[in-house]
C-alpha atoms as a PDB file:
ATOM      1  CA  MET A   1      -4.490   6.459  -1.882  1.00  0.00           C
ATOM      2  CA  HIS A   2      -8.084   5.769  -2.547  1.00  0.00           C
ATOM      3  CA  CYS A   3     -10.224   2.693  -2.281  1.00  0.00           C
ATOM      4  CA  SER A   4     -13.069   1.744  -4.580  1.00  0.00           C
ATOM      5  CA  HIS A   5     -15.464   1.418  -1.647  1.00  0.00           C
ATOM      6  CA  PRO A   6     -16.986   4.831  -0.813  1.00  0.00           C
ATOM      7  CA  GLU A   7     -18.325   3.630   2.546  1.00  0.00           C
ATOM      8  CA  HIS A   8     -14.778   3.260   3.893  1.00  0.00           C
ATOM      9  CA  ARG A   9     -12.952   6.121   5.593  1.00  0.00           C
ATOM     10  CA  HIS A  10      -9.293   6.232   4.703  1.00  0.00           C
ATOM     11  CA  GLY A  11      -7.773   9.406   6.124  1.00  0.00           C
ATOM     12  CA  SER A  12      -4.177   9.006   7.301  1.00  0.00           C
ATOM     13  CA  THR A  13      -5.218   9.320  10.980  1.00  0.00           C
ATOM     14  CA  GLU A  14      -7.912   6.688  10.511  1.00  0.00           C
ATOM     15  CA  MET A  15      -5.480   4.345   8.738  1.00  0.00           C
ATOM     16  CA  LEU A  16      -2.857   4.823  11.467  1.00  0.00           C
ATOM     17  CA  GLY A  17      -5.418   3.876  14.106  1.00  0.00           C
ATOM     18  CA  ARG A  18      -6.331   0.767  12.143  1.00  0.00           C
ATOM     19  CA  LEU A  19      -2.623  -0.108  11.782  1.00  0.00           C
ATOM     20  CA  GLU A  20      -2.055   0.229  15.530  1.00  0.00           C
ATOM     21  CA  PHE A  21      -5.146  -1.863  16.294  1.00  0.00           C
ATOM     22  CA  SER A  22      -4.132  -4.566  13.785  1.00  0.00           C
ATOM     23  CA  CYS A  23      -0.594  -4.763  15.200  1.00  0.00           C
ATOM     24  CA  ALA A  24      -1.900  -5.039  18.764  1.00  0.00           C
ATOM     25  CA  GLU A  25      -4.463  -7.654  17.768  1.00  0.00           C
ATOM     26  CA  ARG A  26      -1.861  -9.766  15.925  1.00  0.00           C
ATOM     27  CA  GLY A  27       0.878  -9.296  18.536  1.00  0.00           C
ATOM     28  CA  LEU A  28       3.142  -7.418  16.131  1.00  0.00           C
ATOM     29  CA  ARG A  29       5.740  -4.921  17.315  1.00  0.00           C
ATOM     30  CA  LEU A  30       5.085  -1.489  15.826  1.00  0.00           C
ATOM     31  CA  THR A  31       8.372   0.338  16.333  1.00  0.00           C
ATOM     32  CA  ARG A  32       8.687   4.099  16.141  1.00  0.00           C
ATOM     33  CA  LEU A  33      10.354   3.876  12.708  1.00  0.00           C
ATOM     34  CA  ARG A  34       7.747   1.451  11.314  1.00  0.00           C
ATOM     35  CA  ARG A  35       5.012   3.765  12.546  1.00  0.00           C
ATOM     36  CA  ARG A  36       6.721   6.840  11.056  1.00  0.00           C
ATOM     37  CA  VAL A  37       7.259   5.154   7.676  1.00  0.00           C
ATOM     38  CA  PHE A  38       3.583   4.186   7.590  1.00  0.00           C
ATOM     39  CA  GLU A  39       2.529   7.712   8.609  1.00  0.00           C
ATOM     40  CA  LEU A  40       4.516   9.238   5.751  1.00  0.00           C
ATOM     41  CA  ILE A  41       3.107   6.797   3.211  1.00  0.00           C
ATOM     42  CA  ALA A  42      -0.471   7.231   4.482  1.00  0.00           C
ATOM     43  CA  ALA A  43      -0.196  11.031   4.470  1.00  0.00           C
ATOM     44  CA  SER A  44       1.009  11.171   0.872  1.00  0.00           C
ATOM     45  CA  GLU A  45      -1.403  11.816  -1.970  1.00  0.00           C
ATOM     46  CA  ARG A  46       0.855   9.858  -4.333  1.00  0.00           C
ATOM     47  CA  PRO A  47       2.916   6.650  -4.192  1.00  0.00           C
ATOM     48  CA  VAL A  48       6.126   7.179  -2.189  1.00  0.00           C
ATOM     49  CA  LYS A  49       9.582   5.888  -3.093  1.00  0.00           C
ATOM     50  CA  ALA A  50      11.873   4.514  -0.380  1.00  0.00           C
ATOM     51  CA  TYR A  51      14.530   7.194  -0.850  1.00  0.00           C
ATOM     52  CA  ASP A  52      11.886   9.914  -0.544  1.00  0.00           C
ATOM     53  CA  LEU A  53      10.897   8.357   2.779  1.00  0.00           C
ATOM     54  CA  MET A  54      14.523   8.421   3.917  1.00  0.00           C
ATOM     55  CA  ASP A  55      14.857  12.078   2.965  1.00  0.00           C
ATOM     56  CA  GLN A  56      11.667  12.998   4.817  1.00  0.00           C
ATOM     57  CA  ILE A  57      12.682  11.108   7.955  1.00  0.00           C
ATOM     58  CA  ARG A  58      16.148  12.688   7.965  1.00  0.00           C
ATOM     59  CA  GLY A  59      14.699  16.142   7.310  1.00  0.00           C
ATOM     60  CA  GLN A  60      12.310  15.860  10.240  1.00  0.00           C
ATOM     61  CA  GLY A  61      14.861  14.498  12.677  1.00  0.00           C
ATOM     62  CA  SER A  62      12.635  11.453  13.221  1.00  0.00           C
ATOM     63  CA  GLY A  63      15.519   9.092  13.896  1.00  0.00           C
ATOM     64  CA  PRO A  64      17.714   6.847  11.778  1.00  0.00           C
ATOM     65  CA  ALA A  65      17.030   6.814   8.076  1.00  0.00           C
ATOM     66  CA  ALA A  66      19.762   4.553   6.760  1.00  0.00           C
ATOM     67  CA  PRO A  67      18.567   2.540   3.760  1.00  0.00           C
ATOM     68  CA  PRO A  68      18.630  -0.842   5.560  1.00  0.00           C
ATOM     69  CA  THR A  69      16.500   0.388   8.457  1.00  0.00           C
ATOM     70  CA  VAL A  70      13.889   1.998   6.199  1.00  0.00           C
ATOM     71  CA  TYR A  71      13.786  -1.067   3.935  1.00  0.00           C
ATOM     72  CA  ARG A  72      13.318  -3.320   6.976  1.00  0.00           C
ATOM     73  CA  ALA A  73      10.402  -1.134   8.089  1.00  0.00           C
ATOM     74  CA  LEU A  74       8.919  -1.320   4.583  1.00  0.00           C
ATOM     75  CA  ASP A  75       9.395  -5.113   4.521  1.00  0.00           C
ATOM     76  CA  PHE A  76       7.556  -5.427   7.841  1.00  0.00           C
ATOM     77  CA  LEU A  77       4.695  -3.252   6.589  1.00  0.00           C
ATOM     78  CA  MET A  78       4.457  -5.191   3.296  1.00  0.00           C
ATOM     79  CA  VAL A  79       4.675  -8.668   4.817  1.00  0.00           C
ATOM     80  CA  HIS A  80       1.796  -7.873   7.139  1.00  0.00           C
ATOM     81  CA  GLY A  81      -0.314  -6.211   4.426  1.00  0.00           C
ATOM     82  CA  PHE A  82      -0.141  -2.651   5.766  1.00  0.00           C
ATOM     83  CA  VAL A  83       1.393  -1.181   2.603  1.00  0.00           C
ATOM     84  CA  HIS A  84       1.596  -2.289  -1.009  1.00  0.00           C
ATOM     85  CA  ARG A  85       4.510  -1.897  -3.379  1.00  0.00           C
ATOM     86  CA  LEU A  86       3.568  -0.743  -6.844  1.00  0.00           C
ATOM     87  CA  GLU A  87       5.975  -2.876  -8.829  1.00  0.00           C
ATOM     88  CA  THR A  88       6.238  -0.734 -11.958  1.00  0.00           C
ATOM     89  CA  LEU A  89       6.688   2.523 -10.028  1.00  0.00           C
ATOM     90  CA  ASN A  90       8.872   0.998  -7.295  1.00  0.00           C
ATOM     91  CA  ALA A  91       6.844   3.030  -4.826  1.00  0.00           C
ATOM     92  CA  TYR A  92       4.612   2.354  -1.839  1.00  0.00           C
ATOM     93  CA  VAL A  93       0.985   3.087  -0.994  1.00  0.00           C
ATOM     94  CA  PRO A  94      -0.899   2.350   2.224  1.00  0.00           C
ATOM     95  CA  CYS A  95      -3.371  -0.489   2.296  1.00  0.00           C
ATOM     96  CA  PRO A  96      -6.766   0.897   3.259  1.00  0.00           C
ATOM     97  CA  HIS A  97      -7.648  -2.550   4.674  1.00  0.00           C
ATOM     98  CA  PRO A  98      -4.886  -3.361   7.213  1.00  0.00           C
ATOM     99  CA  GLU A  99      -7.200  -5.685   9.106  1.00  0.00           C
ATOM    100  CA  ALA A 100      -7.260  -8.038   6.098  1.00  0.00           C
ATOM    101  CA  GLU A 101      -4.079 -10.044   6.638  1.00  0.00           C
ATOM    102  CA  SER A 102      -3.868 -11.290   3.066  1.00  0.00           C
ATOM    103  CA  HIS A 103      -5.509 -10.265  -0.174  1.00  0.00           C
ATOM    104  CA  GLY A 104      -4.671  -9.728  -3.786  1.00  0.00           C
ATOM    105  CA  SER A 105      -4.027  -6.225  -4.954  1.00  0.00           C
ATOM    106  CA  GLN A 106      -5.467  -4.539  -7.994  1.00  0.00           C
ATOM    107  CA  PHE A 107      -4.632  -0.905  -8.699  1.00  0.00           C
ATOM    108  CA  LEU A 108      -5.770   1.718 -11.162  1.00  0.00           C
ATOM    109  CA  ILE A 109      -2.923   4.205 -11.637  1.00  0.00           C
ATOM    110  CA  CYS A 110      -3.382   7.526 -13.415  1.00  0.00           C
ATOM    111  CA  GLU A 111      -0.494   8.114 -15.812  1.00  0.00           C
ATOM    112  CA  GLN A 112      -0.911  11.875 -15.530  1.00  0.00           C
ATOM    113  CA  CYS A 113      -1.507  12.743 -11.860  1.00  0.00           C
ATOM    114  CA  LYS A 114      -0.238   9.429 -10.388  1.00  0.00           C
ATOM    115  CA  GLN A 115      -3.388   9.022  -8.277  1.00  0.00           C
ATOM    116  CA  VAL A 116      -3.864   5.395  -7.215  1.00  0.00           C
ATOM    117  CA  LEU A 117      -7.162   3.617  -6.668  1.00  0.00           C
ATOM    118  CA  GLU A 118      -7.075   0.202  -4.990  1.00  0.00           C
ATOM    119  CA  LEU A 119      -9.768  -2.184  -6.076  1.00  0.00           C
ATOM    120  CA  GLU A 120     -10.995  -5.071  -3.971  1.00  0.00           C
ATOM    121  CA  LEU A 121     -12.143  -7.558  -6.573  1.00  0.00           C
ATOM    122  CA  VAL A 122     -12.512 -10.663  -4.447  1.00  0.00           C
ATOM    123  CA  GLU A 123     -14.006 -12.721  -7.278  1.00  0.00           C
ATOM    124  CA  ALA A 124     -11.203 -11.771  -9.681  1.00  0.00           C
ATOM    125  CA  ALA A 125      -8.543 -12.630  -7.102  1.00  0.00           C
ATOM    126  CA  ALA A 126     -10.203 -15.991  -6.424  1.00  0.00           C
ATOM    127  CA  GLN A 127     -10.414 -16.726 -10.150  1.00  0.00           C
ATOM    128  CA  LEU A 128      -6.722 -15.920 -10.593  1.00  0.00           C
ATOM    129  CA  ARG A 129      -5.836 -18.363  -7.783  1.00  0.00           C
ATOM    130  CA  VAL A 130      -8.047 -21.079  -9.321  1.00  0.00           C
ATOM    131  CA  GLU A 131      -6.503 -20.611 -12.776  1.00  0.00           C
ATOM    132  CA  ALA A 132      -2.960 -20.590 -11.379  1.00  0.00           C
ATOM    133  CA  ARG A 133      -3.525 -23.770  -9.346  1.00  0.00           C
ATOM    134  CA  ALA A 134      -5.161 -25.497 -12.343  1.00  0.00           C
ATOM    135  CA  ARG A 135      -1.829 -25.012 -14.096  1.00  0.00           C
ATOM    136  CA  GLY A 136       0.187 -26.413 -11.204  1.00  0.00           C
ATOM    137  CA  PHE A 137       1.250 -23.003  -9.893  1.00  0.00           C
ATOM    138  CA  GLU A 138       0.868 -22.078  -6.220  1.00  0.00           C
ATOM    139  CA  PRO A 139       0.388 -18.293  -6.008  1.00  0.00           C
ATOM    140  CA  HIS A 140       1.609 -16.393  -2.949  1.00  0.00           C
ATOM    141  CA  ARG A 141       0.478 -12.908  -3.873  1.00  0.00           C
ATOM    142  CA  HIS A 142      -0.625 -10.912  -6.859  1.00  0.00           C
ATOM    143  CA  VAL A 143      -0.398  -7.298  -7.851  1.00  0.00           C
ATOM    144  CA  ILE A 144      -2.261  -6.059 -10.888  1.00  0.00           C
ATOM    145  CA  GLU A 145      -1.483  -2.541 -12.057  1.00  0.00           C
ATOM    146  CA  ILE A 146      -3.693  -0.951 -14.681  1.00  0.00           C
ATOM    147  CA  TYR A 147      -2.504   2.338 -16.150  1.00  0.00           C
ATOM    148  CA  GLY A 148      -4.698   4.962 -17.771  1.00  0.00           C
ATOM    149  CA  LEU A 149      -6.282   8.314 -16.992  1.00  0.00           C
ATOM    150  CA  CYS A 150      -8.484   9.011 -13.979  1.00  0.00           C
ATOM    151  CA  ALA A 151     -11.786  10.824 -14.388  1.00  0.00           C
ATOM    152  CA  THR A 152     -10.199  14.146 -13.447  1.00  0.00           C
ATOM    153  CA  CYS A 153      -7.363  13.882 -15.956  1.00  0.00           C
ATOM    154  CA  GLN A 154      -9.388  12.627 -18.903  1.00  0.00           C
ATOM    155  CA  PRO A 155      -9.878  15.284 -21.538  1.00  0.00           C
ATOM    156  CA  ALA A 156     -13.307  16.892 -21.524  1.00  0.00           C
ATOM    157  CA  ARG A 157     -15.616  15.081 -23.876  1.00  0.00           C
END
């Protein structure tokens, strides 16, 4: 998972530290399973599906990996903004900004290598909220997924 801001560090160890700090600061309970699910998502180079997480947890002997328990961990991580669900892929990516309790999500997804780049377009998110409210709609969250080819996968020009 990459972020569009090059000044940010987003290694899995760094993100885990930020997750732990954010949970402590907000008074949230970070269970062993929630932590492990986040670790697996943060360590992955690609979006991770829930059943892949279950297989990895079972394979490593990291505790229970029944679908309900993993989905509850994912729900916790999503509700608090620690991971994002890519709707069209039905897969999860870590949020490189866990300290931001709420923000819209915009993603560039490479159709070839499946690399994901999260954008932080504050003005675009604000404009979407304004337009939605002008039409009598109260938005709770938004996820914008843009598919194409990353710079690495684009054919040489």
